PDB file of N, CA and C in Angstrom:
ATOM      1  N   MET A   1     -12.314  -7.057  23.030  1.00  0.00           N
ATOM      2  CA  MET A   1     -12.566  -7.837  21.837  1.00  0.00           C
ATOM      3  C   MET A   1     -13.713  -8.807  22.090  1.00  0.00           C
ATOM      4  N   GLU A   2     -14.694  -8.778  21.247  1.00  0.00           N
ATOM      5  CA  GLU A   2     -15.830  -9.693  21.364  1.00  0.00           C
ATOM      6  C   GLU A   2     -15.443 -11.083  20.873  1.00  0.00           C
ATOM      7  N   THR A   3     -16.001 -12.101  21.464  1.00  0.00           N
ATOM      8  CA  THR A   3     -15.862 -13.456  20.943  1.00  0.00           C
ATOM      9  C   THR A   3     -17.226 -14.108  20.947  1.00  0.00           C
ATOM     10  N   GLY A   4     -17.357 -15.188  20.232  1.00  0.00           N
ATOM     11  CA  GLY A   4     -18.617 -15.904  20.231  1.00  0.00           C
ATOM     12  C   GLY A   4     -19.486 -15.618  19.027  1.00  0.00           C
ATOM     13  N   GLY A   5     -18.898 -15.186  17.931  1.00  0.00           N
ATOM     14  CA  GLY A   5     -19.647 -15.078  16.696  1.00  0.00           C
ATOM     15  C   GLY A   5     -20.208 -13.718  16.368  1.00  0.00           C
ATOM     16  N   SER A   6     -19.932 -12.690  17.151  1.00  0.00           N
ATOM     17  CA  SER A   6     -20.484 -11.379  16.841  1.00  0.00           C
ATOM     18  C   SER A   6     -19.391 -10.321  16.662  1.00  0.00           C
ATOM     19  N   ALA A   7     -18.228 -10.732  16.226  1.00  0.00           N
ATOM     20  CA  ALA A   7     -17.105  -9.804  16.094  1.00  0.00           C
ATOM     21  C   ALA A   7     -17.344  -8.799  14.976  1.00  0.00           C
ATOM     22  N   THR A   8     -17.038  -7.545  15.267  1.00  0.00           N
ATOM     23  CA  THR A   8     -17.170  -6.466  14.300  1.00  0.00           C
ATOM     24  C   THR A   8     -15.832  -6.217  13.612  1.00  0.00           C
ATOM     25  N   TYR A   9     -15.871  -5.386  12.587  1.00  0.00           N
ATOM     26  CA  TYR A   9     -14.626  -5.023  11.907  1.00  0.00           C
ATOM     27  C   TYR A   9     -13.629  -4.384  12.885  1.00  0.00           C
ATOM     28  N   PRO A  10     -14.068  -3.462  13.749  1.00  0.00           N
ATOM     29  CA  PRO A  10     -13.114  -2.927  14.736  1.00  0.00           C
ATOM     30  C   PRO A  10     -12.519  -3.996  15.660  1.00  0.00           C
ATOM     31  N   ASP A  11     -13.290  -5.025  15.994  1.00  0.00           N
ATOM     32  CA  ASP A  11     -12.735  -6.134  16.783  1.00  0.00           C
ATOM     33  C   ASP A  11     -11.603  -6.803  16.009  1.00  0.00           C
ATOM     34  N   TRP A  12     -11.820  -6.966  14.714  1.00  0.00           N
ATOM     35  CA  TRP A  12     -10.800  -7.591  13.872  1.00  0.00           C
ATOM     36  C   TRP A  12      -9.575  -6.700  13.715  1.00  0.00           C
ATOM     37  N   THR A  13      -9.765  -5.381  13.602  1.00  0.00           N
ATOM     38  CA  THR A  13      -8.589  -4.515  13.497  1.00  0.00           C
ATOM     39  C   THR A  13      -7.815  -4.484  14.815  1.00  0.00           C
ATOM     40  N   ASP A  14      -8.505  -4.632  15.945  1.00  0.00           N
ATOM     41  CA  ASP A  14      -7.805  -4.772  17.228  1.00  0.00           C
ATOM     42  C   ASP A  14      -6.964  -6.048  17.237  1.00  0.00           C
ATOM     43  N   ALA A  15      -7.527  -7.133  16.712  1.00  0.00           N
ATOM     44  CA  ALA A  15      -6.782  -8.396  16.628  1.00  0.00           C
ATOM     45  C   ALA A  15      -5.576  -8.240  15.704  1.00  0.00           C
ATOM     46  N   LEU A  16      -5.766  -7.520  14.594  1.00  0.00           N
ATOM     47  CA  LEU A  16      -4.653  -7.269  13.674  1.00  0.00           C
ATOM     48  C   LEU A  16      -3.538  -6.510  14.387  1.00  0.00           C
ATOM     49  N   ASP A  17      -3.892  -5.473  15.130  1.00  0.00           N
ATOM     50  CA  ASP A  17      -2.880  -4.727  15.876  1.00  0.00           C
ATOM     51  C   ASP A  17      -2.118  -5.644  16.844  1.00  0.00           C
ATOM     52  N   ALA A  18      -2.847  -6.511  17.534  1.00  0.00           N
ATOM     53  CA  ALA A  18      -2.211  -7.434  18.481  1.00  0.00           C
ATOM     54  C   ALA A  18      -1.298  -8.424  17.759  1.00  0.00           C
ATOM     55  N   VAL A  19      -1.727  -8.901  16.605  1.00  0.00           N
ATOM     56  CA  VAL A  19      -0.896  -9.830  15.823  1.00  0.00           C
ATOM     57  C   VAL A  19       0.374  -9.121  15.372  1.00  0.00           C
ATOM     58  N   LEU A  20       0.227  -7.901  14.866  1.00  0.00           N
ATOM     59  CA  LEU A  20       1.396  -7.151  14.387  1.00  0.00           C
ATOM     60  C   LEU A  20       2.390  -6.900  15.510  1.00  0.00           C
ATOM     61  N   LYS A  21       1.886  -6.577  16.702  1.00  0.00           N
ATOM     62  CA  LYS A  21       2.776  -6.340  17.842  1.00  0.00           C
ATOM     63  C   LYS A  21       3.474  -7.615  18.290  1.00  0.00           C
ATOM     64  N   GLY A  22       2.845  -8.764  18.049  1.00  0.00           N
ATOM     65  CA  GLY A  22       3.392 -10.035  18.492  1.00  0.00           C
ATOM     66  C   GLY A  22       4.245 -10.767  17.477  1.00  0.00           C
ATOM     67  N   LEU A  23       4.437 -10.178  16.295  1.00  0.00           N
ATOM     68  CA  LEU A  23       5.236 -10.877  15.287  1.00  0.00           C
ATOM     69  C   LEU A  23       6.650 -11.080  15.776  1.00  0.00           C
ATOM     70  N   PRO A  24       7.288 -12.151  15.421  1.00  0.00           N
ATOM     71  CA  PRO A  24       6.859 -13.152  14.444  1.00  0.00           C
ATOM     72  C   PRO A  24       5.921 -14.226  15.002  1.00  0.00           C
ATOM     73  N   ASP A  25       5.692 -14.251  16.341  1.00  0.00           N
ATOM     74  CA  ASP A  25       4.784 -15.245  16.906  1.00  0.00           C
ATOM     75  C   ASP A  25       3.377 -14.680  16.953  1.00  0.00           C
ATOM     76  N   ARG A  26       2.443 -15.272  16.226  1.00  0.00           N
ATOM     77  CA  ARG A  26       1.076 -14.746  16.148  1.00  0.00           C
ATOM     78  C   ARG A  26       0.055 -15.668  16.790  1.00  0.00           C
ATOM     79  N   ARG A  27       0.473 -16.734  17.398  1.00  0.00           N
ATOM     80  CA  ARG A  27      -0.457 -17.730  17.939  1.00  0.00           C
ATOM     81  C   ARG A  27      -1.067 -17.346  19.282  1.00  0.00           C
ATOM     82  N   ASP A  28      -0.587 -16.275  19.910  1.00  0.00           N
ATOM     83  CA  ASP A  28      -1.104 -15.902  21.226  1.00  0.00           C
ATOM     84  C   ASP A  28      -2.356 -15.035  21.176  1.00  0.00           C
ATOM     85  N   VAL A  29      -2.794 -14.652  19.989  1.00  0.00           N
ATOM     86  CA  VAL A  29      -3.940 -13.749  19.858  1.00  0.00           C
ATOM     87  C   VAL A  29      -5.196 -14.567  19.557  1.00  0.00           C
ATOM     88  N   PRO A  30      -6.234 -14.409  20.382  1.00  0.00           N
ATOM     89  CA  PRO A  30      -7.472 -15.153  20.126  1.00  0.00           C
ATOM     90  C   PRO A  30      -8.261 -14.544  18.967  1.00  0.00           C
ATOM     91  N   CYS A  31      -8.949 -15.375  18.248  1.00  0.00           N
ATOM     92  CA  CYS A  31      -9.826 -14.926  17.172  1.00  0.00           C
ATOM     93  C   CYS A  31     -10.966 -14.114  17.779  1.00  0.00           C
ATOM     94  N   PRO A  32     -11.256 -12.934  17.230  1.00  0.00           N
ATOM     95  CA  PRO A  32     -12.357 -12.148  17.773  1.00  0.00           C
ATOM     96  C   PRO A  32     -13.730 -12.761  17.498  1.00  0.00           C
ATOM     97  N   HIS A  33     -13.802 -13.692  16.559  1.00  0.00           N
ATOM     98  CA  HIS A  33     -15.086 -14.318  16.226  1.00  0.00           C
ATOM     99  C   HIS A  33     -15.364 -15.543  17.107  1.00  0.00           C
ATOM    100  N   CYS A  34     -14.389 -16.453  17.196  1.00  0.00           N
ATOM    101  CA  CYS A  34     -14.637 -17.708  17.923  1.00  0.00           C
ATOM    102  C   CYS A  34     -13.815 -17.867  19.197  1.00  0.00           C
ATOM    103  N   GLY A  35     -12.784 -17.038  19.381  1.00  0.00           N
ATOM    104  CA  GLY A  35     -11.967 -17.103  20.587  1.00  0.00           C
ATOM    105  C   GLY A  35     -10.804 -18.077  20.535  1.00  0.00           C
ATOM    106  N   VAL A  36     -10.722 -18.888  19.481  1.00  0.00           N
ATOM    107  CA  VAL A  36      -9.629 -19.857  19.355  1.00  0.00           C
ATOM    108  C   VAL A  36      -8.359 -19.131  18.903  1.00  0.00           C
ATOM    109  N   ARG A  37      -7.230 -19.553  19.423  1.00  0.00           N
ATOM    110  CA  ARG A  37      -5.943 -18.942  19.069  1.00  0.00           C
ATOM    111  C   ARG A  37      -5.402 -19.603  17.795  1.00  0.00           C
ATOM    112  N   ALA A  38      -6.047 -19.276  16.677  1.00  0.00           N
ATOM    113  CA  ALA A  38      -5.669 -19.895  15.397  1.00  0.00           C
ATOM    114  C   ALA A  38      -5.611 -18.866  14.270  1.00  0.00           C
ATOM    115  N   LEU A  39      -5.189 -17.630  14.603  1.00  0.00           N
ATOM    116  CA  LEU A  39      -5.117 -16.599  13.575  1.00  0.00           C
ATOM    117  C   LEU A  39      -3.900 -16.796  12.685  1.00  0.00           C
ATOM    118  N   ARG A  40      -4.109 -16.526  11.408  1.00  0.00           N
ATOM    119  CA  ARG A  40      -3.035 -16.588  10.405  1.00  0.00           C
ATOM    120  C   ARG A  40      -3.013 -15.261   9.682  1.00  0.00           C
ATOM    121  N   ILE A  41      -1.835 -14.859   9.218  1.00  0.00           N
ATOM    122  CA  ILE A  41      -1.712 -13.602   8.476  1.00  0.00           C
ATOM    123  C   ILE A  41      -0.749 -13.797   7.312  1.00  0.00           C
ATOM    124  N   VAL A  42      -1.125 -13.235   6.165  1.00  0.00           N
ATOM    125  CA  VAL A  42      -0.274 -13.254   4.979  1.00  0.00           C
ATOM    126  C   VAL A  42      -0.246 -11.832   4.428  1.00  0.00           C
ATOM    127  N   PHE A  43       0.962 -11.347   4.137  1.00  0.00           N
ATOM    128  CA  PHE A  43       1.150 -10.007   3.577  1.00  0.00           C
ATOM    129  C   PHE A  43       1.528 -10.097   2.108  1.00  0.00           C
ATOM    130  N   VAL A  44       1.079  -9.099   1.340  1.00  0.00           N
ATOM    131  CA  VAL A  44       1.476  -8.926  -0.053  1.00  0.00           C
ATOM    132  C   VAL A  44       1.795  -7.443  -0.202  1.00  0.00           C
ATOM    133  N   GLY A  45       2.969  -7.131  -0.766  1.00  0.00           N
ATOM    134  CA  GLY A  45       3.296  -5.716  -0.847  1.00  0.00           C
ATOM    135  C   GLY A  45       4.519  -5.384  -1.650  1.00  0.00           C
ATOM    136  N   ASN A  46       4.903  -4.133  -1.539  1.00  0.00           N
ATOM    137  CA  ASN A  46       6.043  -3.568  -2.246  1.00  0.00           C
ATOM    138  C   ASN A  46       7.278  -3.701  -1.362  1.00  0.00           C
ATOM    139  N   PRO A  47       8.301  -4.429  -1.811  1.00  0.00           N
ATOM    140  CA  PRO A  47       9.508  -4.596  -0.992  1.00  0.00           C
ATOM    141  C   PRO A  47      10.227  -3.276  -0.705  1.00  0.00           C
ATOM    142  N   GLY A  48      10.126  -2.309  -1.603  1.00  0.00           N
ATOM    143  CA  GLY A  48      10.802  -1.031  -1.412  1.00  0.00           C
ATOM    144  C   GLY A  48      10.168  -0.168  -0.344  1.00  0.00           C
ATOM    145  N   THR A  49       8.845  -0.100  -0.336  1.00  0.00           N
ATOM    146  CA  THR A  49       8.136   0.757   0.618  1.00  0.00           C
ATOM    147  C   THR A  49       7.604  -0.008   1.819  1.00  0.00           C
ATOM    148  N   GLN A  50       7.538  -1.323   1.690  1.00  0.00           N
ATOM    149  CA  GLN A  50       6.931  -2.203   2.693  1.00  0.00           C
ATOM    150  C   GLN A  50       5.470  -1.848   2.961  1.00  0.00           C
ATOM    151  N   LEU A  51       4.803  -1.313   1.957  1.00  0.00           N
ATOM    152  CA  LEU A  51       3.373  -1.068   2.019  1.00  0.00           C
ATOM    153  C   LEU A  51       2.663  -2.125   1.186  1.00  0.00           C
ATOM    154  N   GLY A  52       1.500  -2.541   1.656  1.00  0.00           N
ATOM    155  CA  GLY A  52       0.750  -3.533   0.902  1.00  0.00           C
ATOM    156  C   GLY A  52      -0.592  -3.804   1.560  1.00  0.00           C
ATOM    157  N   TYR A  53      -1.014  -5.033   1.449  1.00  0.00           N
ATOM    158  CA  TYR A  53      -2.259  -5.453   2.097  1.00  0.00           C
ATOM    159  C   TYR A  53      -1.997  -6.770   2.788  1.00  0.00           C
ATOM    160  N   CYS A  54      -2.939  -7.159   3.629  1.00  0.00           N
ATOM    161  CA  CYS A  54      -2.793  -8.442   4.298  1.00  0.00           C
ATOM    162  C   CYS A  54      -4.126  -9.149   4.357  1.00  0.00           C
ATOM    163  N   SER A  55      -4.063 -10.417   4.569  1.00  0.00           N
ATOM    164  CA  SER A  55      -5.235 -11.235   4.866  1.00  0.00           C
ATOM    165  C   SER A  55      -4.998 -11.806   6.250  1.00  0.00           C
ATOM    166  N   LEU A  56      -5.941 -11.552   7.141  1.00  0.00           N
ATOM    167  CA  LEU A  56      -5.887 -12.076   8.509  1.00  0.00           C
ATOM    168  C   LEU A  56      -7.137 -12.898   8.706  1.00  0.00           C
ATOM    169  N   TRP A  57      -6.974 -14.176   9.050  1.00  0.00           N
ATOM    170  CA  TRP A  57      -8.129 -15.054   9.226  1.00  0.00           C
ATOM    171  C   TRP A  57      -7.854 -16.058  10.324  1.00  0.00           C
ATOM    172  N   CYS A  58      -8.931 -16.697  10.747  1.00  0.00           N
ATOM    173  CA  CYS A  58      -8.853 -17.734  11.762  1.00  0.00           C
ATOM    174  C   CYS A  58      -8.947 -19.091  11.068  1.00  0.00           C
ATOM    175  N   ASP A  59      -7.991 -19.957  11.346  1.00  0.00           N
ATOM    176  CA  ASP A  59      -8.010 -21.307  10.773  1.00  0.00           C
ATOM    177  C   ASP A  59      -9.120 -22.172  11.365  1.00  0.00           C
ATOM    178  N   ASN A  60      -9.702 -21.748  12.485  1.00  0.00           N
ATOM    179  CA  ASN A  60     -10.773 -22.521  13.109  1.00  0.00           C
ATOM    180  C   ASN A  60     -12.146 -22.192  12.525  1.00  0.00           C
ATOM    181  N   CYS A  61     -12.539 -20.912  12.572  1.00  0.00           N
ATOM    182  CA  CYS A  61     -13.897 -20.534  12.143  1.00  0.00           C
ATOM    183  C   CYS A  61     -13.950 -20.004  10.711  1.00  0.00           C
ATOM    184  N   ARG A  62     -12.784 -19.694  10.134  1.00  0.00           N
ATOM    185  CA  ARG A  62     -12.678 -19.201   8.752  1.00  0.00           C
ATOM    186  C   ARG A  62     -13.349 -17.848   8.545  1.00  0.00           C
ATOM    187  N   TYR A  63     -13.243 -16.960   9.535  1.00  0.00           N
ATOM    188  CA  TYR A  63     -13.632 -15.563   9.386  1.00  0.00           C
ATOM    189  C   TYR A  63     -12.353 -14.742   9.358  1.00  0.00           C
ATOM    190  N   GLY A  64     -12.397 -13.540   8.757  1.00  0.00           N
ATOM    191  CA  GLY A  64     -11.222 -12.695   8.733  1.00  0.00           C
ATOM    192  C   GLY A  64     -11.444 -11.393   8.004  1.00  0.00           C
ATOM    193  N   ILE A  65     -10.346 -10.652   7.824  1.00  0.00           N
ATOM    194  CA  ILE A  65     -10.383  -9.354   7.141  1.00  0.00           C
ATOM    195  C   ILE A  65      -9.248  -9.273   6.134  1.00  0.00           C
ATOM    196  N   ARG A  66      -9.374  -8.313   5.193  1.00  0.00           N
ATOM    197  CA  ARG A  66      -8.343  -8.046   4.183  1.00  0.00           C
ATOM    198  C   ARG A  66      -8.076  -6.547   4.104  1.00  0.00           C
ATOM    199  N   PRO A  67      -7.432  -5.987   5.112  1.00  0.00           N
ATOM    200  CA  PRO A  67      -7.168  -4.541   5.063  1.00  0.00           C
ATOM    201  C   PRO A  67      -6.075  -4.194   4.052  1.00  0.00           C
ATOM    202  N   SER A  68      -6.202  -3.024   3.470  1.00  0.00           N
ATOM    203  CA  SER A  68      -5.176  -2.541   2.539  1.00  0.00           C
ATOM    204  C   SER A  68      -4.423  -1.388   3.182  1.00  0.00           C
ATOM    205  N   ARG A  69      -3.378  -0.932   2.498  1.00  0.00           N
ATOM    206  CA  ARG A  69      -2.526   0.145   3.003  1.00  0.00           C
ATOM    207  C   ARG A  69      -1.959  -0.205   4.378  1.00  0.00           C
ATOM    208  N   VAL A  70      -1.406  -1.390   4.453  1.00  0.00           N
ATOM    209  CA  VAL A  70      -0.806  -1.878   5.691  1.00  0.00           C
ATOM    210  C   VAL A  70       0.713  -1.741   5.576  1.00  0.00           C
ATOM    211  N   LEU A  71       1.335  -1.243   6.613  1.00  0.00           N
ATOM    212  CA  LEU A  71       2.793  -1.214   6.674  1.00  0.00           C
ATOM    213  C   LEU A  71       3.251  -2.598   7.107  1.00  0.00           C
ATOM    214  N   ILE A  72       4.028  -3.237   6.259  1.00  0.00           N
ATOM    215  CA  ILE A  72       4.485  -4.606   6.532  1.00  0.00           C
ATOM    216  C   ILE A  72       5.678  -4.533   7.486  1.00  0.00           C
ATOM    217  N   PRO A  73       5.559  -5.144   8.657  1.00  0.00           N
ATOM    218  CA  PRO A  73       6.655  -5.094   9.634  1.00  0.00           C
ATOM    219  C   PRO A  73       7.923  -5.760   9.111  1.00  0.00           C
ATOM    220  N   ASP A  74       9.068  -5.287   9.601  1.00  0.00           N
ATOM    221  CA  ASP A  74      10.359  -5.838   9.187  1.00  0.00           C
ATOM    222  C   ASP A  74      10.445  -7.340   9.412  1.00  0.00           C
ATOM    223  N   GLU A  75       9.850  -7.824  10.517  1.00  0.00           N
ATOM    224  CA  GLU A  75       9.982  -9.234  10.866  1.00  0.00           C
ATOM    225  C   GLU A  75       8.992 -10.145  10.128  1.00  0.00           C
ATOM    226  N   ALA A  76       8.150  -9.551   9.302  1.00  0.00           N
ATOM    227  CA  ALA A  76       7.125 -10.344   8.598  1.00  0.00           C
ATOM    228  C   ALA A  76       7.631 -10.829   7.237  1.00  0.00           C
ATOM    229  N   GLU A  77       7.298 -12.055   6.933  1.00  0.00           N
ATOM    230  CA  GLU A  77       7.528 -12.554   5.578  1.00  0.00           C
ATOM    231  C   GLU A  77       6.361 -12.090   4.723  1.00  0.00           C
ATOM    232  N   PHE A  78       6.639 -11.786   3.448  1.00  0.00           N
ATOM    233  CA  PHE A  78       5.555 -11.346   2.583  1.00  0.00           C
ATOM    234  C   PHE A  78       5.852 -11.708   1.135  1.00  0.00           C
ATOM    235  N   PHE A  79       4.795 -11.681   0.340  1.00  0.00           N
ATOM    236  CA  PHE A  79       4.908 -11.892  -1.093  1.00  0.00           C
ATOM    237  C   PHE A  79       4.994 -10.530  -1.783  1.00  0.00           C
ATOM    238  N   PRO A  80       5.976 -10.325  -2.669  1.00  0.00           N
ATOM    239  CA  PRO A  80       5.986  -9.087  -3.460  1.00  0.00           C
ATOM    240  C   PRO A  80       4.759  -9.048  -4.383  1.00  0.00           C
ATOM    241  N   PHE A  81       4.348  -7.840  -4.755  1.00  0.00           N
ATOM    242  CA  PHE A  81       3.178  -7.678  -5.615  1.00  0.00           C
ATOM    243  C   PHE A  81       3.263  -8.489  -6.905  1.00  0.00           C
ATOM    244  N   ASP A  82       4.468  -8.687  -7.427  1.00  0.00           N
ATOM    245  CA  ASP A  82       4.595  -9.395  -8.709  1.00  0.00           C
ATOM    246  C   ASP A  82       4.633 -10.925  -8.565  1.00  0.00           C
ATOM    247  N   THR A  83       4.348 -11.433  -7.378  1.00  0.00           N
ATOM    248  CA  THR A  83       4.278 -12.883  -7.177  1.00  0.00           C
ATOM    249  C   THR A  83       3.097 -13.443  -7.951  1.00  0.00           C
ATOM    250  N   ASN A  84       3.291 -14.622  -8.506  1.00  0.00           N
ATOM    251  CA  ASN A  84       2.217 -15.294  -9.237  1.00  0.00           C
ATOM    252  C   ASN A  84       0.970 -15.349  -8.350  1.00  0.00           C
ATOM    253  N   PRO A  85      -0.172 -14.841  -8.845  1.00  0.00           N
ATOM    254  CA  PRO A  85      -1.398 -14.827  -8.042  1.00  0.00           C
ATOM    255  C   PRO A  85      -1.819 -16.200  -7.518  1.00  0.00           C
ATOM    256  N   GLU A  86      -1.506 -17.253  -8.254  1.00  0.00           N
ATOM    257  CA  GLU A  86      -1.855 -18.599  -7.795  1.00  0.00           C
ATOM    258  C   GLU A  86      -1.039 -18.981  -6.563  1.00  0.00           C
ATOM    259  N   VAL A  87       0.203 -18.536  -6.516  1.00  0.00           N
ATOM    260  CA  VAL A  87       1.051 -18.815  -5.357  1.00  0.00           C
ATOM    261  C   VAL A  87       0.501 -18.090  -4.125  1.00  0.00           C
ATOM    262  N   VAL A  88       0.132 -16.825  -4.294  1.00  0.00           N
ATOM    263  CA  VAL A  88      -0.428 -16.055  -3.191  1.00  0.00           C
ATOM    264  C   VAL A  88      -1.738 -16.696  -2.732  1.00  0.00           C
ATOM    265  N   ALA A  89      -2.604 -17.028  -3.690  1.00  0.00           N
ATOM    266  CA  ALA A  89      -3.904 -17.626  -3.345  1.00  0.00           C
ATOM    267  C   ALA A  89      -3.736 -18.937  -2.594  1.00  0.00           C
ATOM    268  N   SER A  90      -2.708 -19.694  -2.928  1.00  0.00           N
ATOM    269  CA  SER A  90      -2.507 -20.979  -2.252  1.00  0.00           C
ATOM    270  C   SER A  90      -2.062 -20.805  -0.795  1.00  0.00           C
ATOM    271  N   ALA A  91      -1.544 -19.617  -0.453  1.00  0.00           N
ATOM    272  CA  ALA A  91      -1.087 -19.358   0.915  1.00  0.00           C
ATOM    273  C   ALA A  91      -2.194 -18.790   1.801  1.00  0.00           C
ATOM    274  N   ILE A  92      -3.292 -18.379   1.176  1.00  0.00           N
ATOM    275  CA  ILE A  92      -4.384 -17.744   1.922  1.00  0.00           C
ATOM    276  C   ILE A  92      -5.597 -18.662   1.893  1.00  0.00           C
ATOM    277  N   ALA A  93      -6.095 -18.994   3.068  1.00  0.00           N
ATOM    278  CA  ALA A  93      -7.265 -19.868   3.162  1.00  0.00           C
ATOM    279  C   ALA A  93      -8.499 -19.159   2.613  1.00  0.00           C
ATOM    280  N   ASP A  94      -9.461 -19.940   2.213  1.00  0.00           N
ATOM    281  CA  ASP A  94     -10.750 -19.415   1.801  1.00  0.00           C
ATOM    282  C   ASP A  94     -11.513 -19.080   3.077  1.00  0.00           C
ATOM    283  N   PHE A  95     -11.799 -17.794   3.300  1.00  0.00           N
ATOM    284  CA  PHE A  95     -12.476 -17.401   4.534  1.00  0.00           C
ATOM    285  C   PHE A  95     -13.577 -16.397   4.259  1.00  0.00           C
ATOM    286  N   ARG A  96     -14.479 -16.280   5.226  1.00  0.00           N
ATOM    287  CA  ARG A  96     -15.601 -15.348   5.130  1.00  0.00           C
ATOM    288  C   ARG A  96     -15.130 -13.987   5.632  1.00  0.00           C
ATOM    289  N   GLU A  97     -15.154 -13.005   4.738  1.00  0.00           N
ATOM    290  CA  GLU A  97     -14.605 -11.700   5.060  1.00  0.00           C
ATOM    291  C   GLU A  97     -15.580 -10.831   5.855  1.00  0.00           C
ATOM    292  N   VAL A  98     -15.057 -10.206   6.918  1.00  0.00           N
ATOM    293  CA  VAL A  98     -15.807  -9.254   7.727  1.00  0.00           C
ATOM    294  C   VAL A  98     -15.485  -7.867   7.174  1.00  0.00           C
ATOM    295  N   TYR A  99     -16.525  -7.070   6.943  1.00  0.00           N
ATOM    296  CA  TYR A  99     -16.364  -5.742   6.359  1.00  0.00           C
ATOM    297  C   TYR A  99     -16.696  -4.662   7.389  1.00  0.00           C
ATOM    298  N   PRO A 100     -16.173  -3.446   7.161  1.00  0.00           N
ATOM    299  CA  PRO A 100     -16.585  -2.343   8.036  1.00  0.00           C
ATOM    300  C   PRO A 100     -18.102  -2.176   7.979  1.00  0.00           C
ATOM    301  N   ASP A 101     -18.677  -1.697   9.062  1.00  0.00           N
ATOM    302  CA  ASP A 101     -20.118  -1.518   9.163  1.00  0.00           C
ATOM    303  C   ASP A 101     -20.600  -0.529   8.111  1.00  0.00           C
ATOM    304  N   ASP A 102     -21.495  -0.968   7.243  1.00  0.00           N
ATOM    305  CA  ASP A 102     -22.016  -0.106   6.184  1.00  0.00           C
ATOM    306  C   ASP A 102     -22.746   1.105   6.745  1.00  0.00           C
ATOM    307  N   ASP A 103     -23.413   0.962   7.896  1.00  0.00           N
ATOM    308  CA  ASP A 103     -24.151   2.078   8.489  1.00  0.00           C
ATOM    309  C   ASP A 103     -23.212   3.229   8.839  1.00  0.00           C
ATOM    310  N   VAL A 104     -22.028   2.917   9.334  1.00  0.00           N
ATOM    311  CA  VAL A 104     -21.077   3.962   9.693  1.00  0.00           C
ATOM    312  C   VAL A 104     -20.667   4.713   8.440  1.00  0.00           C
ATOM    313  N   ASP A 105     -20.374   3.983   7.358  1.00  0.00           N
ATOM    314  CA  ASP A 105     -19.980   4.624   6.109  1.00  0.00           C
ATOM    315  C   ASP A 105     -21.105   5.498   5.576  1.00  0.00           C
ATOM    316  N   ASP A 106     -22.349   5.026   5.648  1.00  0.00           N
ATOM    317  CA  ASP A 106     -23.488   5.795   5.159  1.00  0.00           C
ATOM    318  C   ASP A 106     -23.645   7.086   5.957  1.00  0.00           C
ATOM    319  N   GLU A 107     -23.490   7.021   7.283  1.00  0.00           N
ATOM    320  CA  GLU A 107     -23.605   8.216   8.114  1.00  0.00           C
ATOM    321  C   GLU A 107     -22.520   9.217   7.758  1.00  0.00           C
ATOM    322  N   ASP A 108     -21.285   8.746   7.545  1.00  0.00           N
ATOM    323  CA  ASP A 108     -20.189   9.632   7.172  1.00  0.00           C
ATOM    324  C   ASP A 108     -20.470  10.301   5.832  1.00  0.00           C
ATOM    325  N   GLU A 109     -20.990   9.532   4.867  1.00  0.00           N
ATOM    326  CA  GLU A 109     -21.307  10.082   3.554  1.00  0.00           C
ATOM    327  C   GLU A 109     -22.416  11.114   3.653  1.00  0.00           C
ATOM    328  N   GLU A 110     -23.457  10.831   4.432  1.00  0.00           N
ATOM    329  CA  GLU A 110     -24.563  11.775   4.592  1.00  0.00           C
ATOM    330  C   GLU A 110     -24.076  13.063   5.246  1.00  0.00           C
ATOM    331  N   GLU A 111     -23.208  12.951   6.242  1.00  0.00           N
ATOM    332  CA  GLU A 111     -22.668  14.127   6.904  1.00  0.00           C
ATOM    333  C   GLU A 111     -21.835  14.952   5.932  1.00  0.00           C
ATOM    334  N   ALA A 112     -21.010  14.309   5.125  1.00  0.00           N
ATOM    335  CA  ALA A 112     -20.185  15.008   4.139  1.00  0.00           C
ATOM    336  C   ALA A 112     -21.058  15.684   3.085  1.00  0.00           C
ATOM    337  N   GLU A 113     -22.129  14.998   2.647  1.00  0.00           N
ATOM    338  CA  GLU A 113     -23.034  15.593   1.667  1.00  0.00           C
ATOM    339  C   GLU A 113     -23.720  16.817   2.253  1.00  0.00           C
ATOM    340  N   GLY A 114     -24.137  16.752   3.531  1.00  0.00           N
ATOM    341  CA  GLY A 114     -24.772  17.884   4.194  1.00  0.00           C
ATOM    342  C   GLY A 114     -23.839  19.074   4.295  1.00  0.00           C
ATOM    343  N   GLU A 115     -22.578  18.811   4.635  1.00  0.00           N
ATOM    344  CA  GLU A 115     -21.595  19.886   4.722  1.00  0.00           C
ATOM    345  C   GLU A 115     -21.353  20.506   3.353  1.00  0.00           C
ATOM    346  N   GLN A 116     -21.322  19.674   2.324  1.00  0.00           N
ATOM    347  CA  GLN A 116     -21.101  20.158   0.966  1.00  0.00           C
ATOM    348  C   GLN A 116     -22.268  21.032   0.521  1.00  0.00           C
ATOM    349  N   GLU A 117     -23.506  20.630   0.850  1.00  0.00           N
ATOM    350  CA  GLU A 117     -24.683  21.420   0.489  1.00  0.00           C
ATOM    351  C   GLU A 117     -24.649  22.779   1.181  1.00  0.00           C
ATOM    352  N   GLU A 118     -24.229  22.803   2.463  1.00  0.00           N
ATOM    353  CA  GLU A 118     -24.157  24.060   3.203  1.00  0.00           C
ATOM    354  C   GLU A 118     -23.139  25.003   2.571  1.00  0.00           C
ATOM    355  N   GLN A 119     -22.026  24.448   2.094  1.00  0.00           N
ATOM    356  CA  GLN A 119     -20.989  25.267   1.486  1.00  0.00           C
ATOM    357  C   GLN A 119     -21.423  25.867   0.159  1.00  0.00           C
ATOM    358  N   THR A 120     -22.320  25.195  -0.559  1.00  0.00           N
ATOM    359  CA  THR A 120     -22.769  25.688  -1.865  1.00  0.00           C
ATOM    360  C   THR A 120     -23.897  26.703  -1.744  1.00  0.00           C
ATOM    361  N   ARG A 121     -24.453  26.850  -0.556  1.00  0.00           N
ATOM    362  CA  ARG A 121     -25.566  27.808  -0.372  1.00  0.00           C
ATOM    363  C   ARG A 121     -25.077  29.206  -0.207  1.00  0.00           C
TER     364      ARG A 121
END
């Protein structure tokens, strides 16, 4: 995991995995951006399926991610989807979101388009 301000989306997903494995205690995982152990996580999802999304951010540097299609662990507290949006928003800090690398997505799309063109020939 990179620290010092150059964390990538994969660095953040590694931190998410570590936080999920450490629940209910999440304070032992360092922020991939700044290295401070101040990560917070909030889940929102379906109580029946325990699928939803989460916001994972650092209370120190205010960087984080918002992955979707997350399986909410049994030991995690979460807001059901029908929770008042203002209540959910009040539980999640305002943070700068890290996104997957656009170049990787573009390469995948170009490769898929090339394969599709070959199939139509």
